[in-house]
C-alpha atoms as a PDB file:
ATOM      1  CA  MET A   1      75.138  69.640 127.806  1.00  0.00           C
ATOM      2  CA  ALA A   2      74.406  73.012 126.221  1.00  0.00           C
ATOM      3  CA  ASP A   3      78.107  73.258 125.362  1.00  0.00           C
ATOM      4  CA  ASP A   4      77.910  69.876 123.605  1.00  0.00           C
ATOM      5  CA  ARG A   5      74.936  71.050 121.552  1.00  0.00           C
ATOM      6  CA  GLN A   6      76.737  74.274 120.693  1.00  0.00           C
ATOM      7  CA  GLN A   7      79.801  72.299 119.573  1.00  0.00           C
ATOM      8  CA  ARG A   8      77.642  69.998 117.428  1.00  0.00           C
ATOM      9  CA  LEU A   9      75.863  73.030 115.978  1.00  0.00           C
ATOM     10  CA  GLN A  10      79.167  74.684 115.092  1.00  0.00           C
ATOM     11  CA  ALA A  11      80.501  71.474 113.528  1.00  0.00           C
ATOM     12  CA  LEU A  12      77.300  71.145 111.487  1.00  0.00           C
ATOM     13  CA  ILE A  13      77.448  74.763 110.325  1.00  0.00           C
ATOM     14  CA  ASP A  14      81.110  74.349 109.373  1.00  0.00           C
ATOM     15  CA  PHE A  15      80.175  71.267 107.342  1.00  0.00           C
ATOM     16  CA  LEU A  16      77.191  72.936 105.680  1.00  0.00           C
ATOM     17  CA  ARG A  17      79.477  75.754 104.547  1.00  0.00           C
ATOM     18  CA  THR A  18      81.447  73.177 102.559  1.00  0.00           C
ATOM     19  CA  ILE A  19      78.372  72.022 100.627  1.00  0.00           C
ATOM     20  CA  GLN A  20      76.244  75.173 100.432  1.00  0.00           C
ATOM     21  CA  LYS A  21      75.365  76.828  97.168  1.00  0.00           C
ATOM     22  CA  PRO A  22      77.293  79.999  96.370  1.00  0.00           C
ATOM     23  CA  GLY A  23      75.628  83.282  97.148  1.00  0.00           C
ATOM     24  CA  LYS A  24      73.569  82.138 100.136  1.00  0.00           C
ATOM     25  CA  ALA A  25      74.810  82.900 103.654  1.00  0.00           C
ATOM     26  CA  ILE A  26      74.156  80.180 106.199  1.00  0.00           C
ATOM     27  CA  GLU A  27      73.550  82.912 108.770  1.00  0.00           C
ATOM     28  CA  SER A  28      70.456  83.923 106.813  1.00  0.00           C
ATOM     29  CA  VAL A  29      68.846  80.506 107.330  1.00  0.00           C
ATOM     30  CA  GLY A  30      66.882  79.904 110.519  1.00  0.00           C
ATOM     31  CA  LEU A  31      67.468  76.769 112.582  1.00  0.00           C
ATOM     32  CA  ASP A  32      64.003  75.475 111.688  1.00  0.00           C
ATOM     33  CA  GLU A  33      63.998  76.659 108.067  1.00  0.00           C
ATOM     34  CA  SER A  34      64.296  74.118 105.260  1.00  0.00           C
ATOM     35  CA  LEU A  35      67.852  74.031 103.987  1.00  0.00           C
ATOM     36  CA  VAL A  36      66.684  73.129 100.474  1.00  0.00           C
ATOM     37  CA  THR A  37      63.735  75.534 100.261  1.00  0.00           C
ATOM     38  CA  SER A  38      65.903  78.365 101.602  1.00  0.00           C
ATOM     39  CA  GLY A  39      68.325  77.778  98.728  1.00  0.00           C
ATOM     40  CA  LEU A  40      71.292  76.980 100.977  1.00  0.00           C
ATOM     41  CA  ILE A  41      71.725  73.479  99.547  1.00  0.00           C
ATOM     42  CA  ASP A  42      70.207  71.422  96.759  1.00  0.00           C
ATOM     43  CA  SER A  43      68.332  68.186  97.333  1.00  0.00           C
ATOM     44  CA  LEU A  44      71.352  66.058  96.401  1.00  0.00           C
ATOM     45  CA  ALA A  45      73.282  67.576  99.306  1.00  0.00           C
ATOM     46  CA  ILE A  46      71.093  65.505 101.652  1.00  0.00           C
ATOM     47  CA  ILE A  47      73.240  62.526 100.621  1.00  0.00           C
ATOM     48  CA  GLU A  48      76.341  64.431 101.716  1.00  0.00           C
ATOM     49  CA  ILE A  49      74.667  65.218 105.035  1.00  0.00           C
ATOM     50  CA  VAL A  50      73.916  61.509 105.534  1.00  0.00           C
ATOM     51  CA  MET A  51      77.554  60.636 104.819  1.00  0.00           C
ATOM     52  CA  PHE A  52      78.721  63.350 107.249  1.00  0.00           C
ATOM     53  CA  LEU A  53      76.466  61.984 109.997  1.00  0.00           C
ATOM     54  CA  GLU A  54      77.536  58.390 109.400  1.00  0.00           C
ATOM     55  CA  LYS A  55      81.240  59.264 109.399  1.00  0.00           C
ATOM     56  CA  ASN A  56      81.311  61.759 112.257  1.00  0.00           C
ATOM     57  CA  TYR A  57      78.620  60.424 114.571  1.00  0.00           C
ATOM     58  CA  GLY A  58      78.456  56.724 113.708  1.00  0.00           C
ATOM     59  CA  ILE A  59      74.802  56.908 112.716  1.00  0.00           C
ATOM     60  CA  ASP A  60      73.802  53.814 110.741  1.00  0.00           C
ATOM     61  CA  PHE A  61      70.924  54.860 108.503  1.00  0.00           C
ATOM     62  CA  ALA A  62      70.840  51.393 106.930  1.00  0.00           C
ATOM     63  CA  ALA A  63      69.815  50.011 110.313  1.00  0.00           C
ATOM     64  CA  SER A  64      67.709  52.909 111.598  1.00  0.00           C
ATOM     65  CA  GLY A  65      66.122  54.042 108.355  1.00  0.00           C
ATOM     66  CA  LEU A  66      66.299  57.450 106.745  1.00  0.00           C
ATOM     67  CA  ASP A  67      63.647  60.103 107.126  1.00  0.00           C
ATOM     68  CA  PRO A  68      64.670  62.962 104.804  1.00  0.00           C
ATOM     69  CA  ASP A  69      62.267  65.325 106.577  1.00  0.00           C
ATOM     70  CA  ARG A  70      64.369  65.009 109.744  1.00  0.00           C
ATOM     71  CA  LEU A  71      67.405  66.168 107.777  1.00  0.00           C
ATOM     72  CA  ALA A  72      65.645  69.162 106.247  1.00  0.00           C
ATOM     73  CA  THR A  73      66.581  71.701 108.941  1.00  0.00           C
ATOM     74  CA  ILE A  74      69.563  72.417 111.159  1.00  0.00           C
ATOM     75  CA  ASN A  75      67.527  71.641 114.292  1.00  0.00           C
ATOM     76  CA  GLY A  76      66.263  68.425 112.691  1.00  0.00           C
ATOM     77  CA  ILE A  77      69.802  67.273 111.965  1.00  0.00           C
ATOM     78  CA  LEU A  78      70.882  68.157 115.508  1.00  0.00           C
ATOM     79  CA  GLY A  79      67.966  66.081 116.799  1.00  0.00           C
ATOM     80  CA  VAL A  80      69.126  63.063 114.777  1.00  0.00           C
ATOM     81  CA  ILE A  81      72.641  63.481 116.196  1.00  0.00           C
ATOM     82  CA  GLU A  82      71.381  63.825 119.767  1.00  0.00           C
ATOM     83  CA  GLU A  83      69.207  60.721 119.480  1.00  0.00           C
ATOM     84  CA  ALA A  84      72.197  58.733 118.256  1.00  0.00           C
ATOM     85  CA  ARG A  85      74.482  59.878 121.079  1.00  0.00           C
ATOM     86  CA  PRO A  86      74.526  57.737 124.229  1.00  0.00           C
END
């Protein structure tokens, strides 16, 4: 199970690298640090995160609702993924 979490973490980090703002290293952001407040992404990138989660993990935010606070940190996003996995 830890390997699964590590794989999901790596996939998430790889994705965040594609949407991060230039000049900010993802390695400098803690797992519980706000991605927006840290300057890694802007607030509009949350939409891209939602689309990534829907496409890659089958999460239906239309049915489950969207809590932007849960998508604010890397650990928060991993929690959303883990709750959606059977």
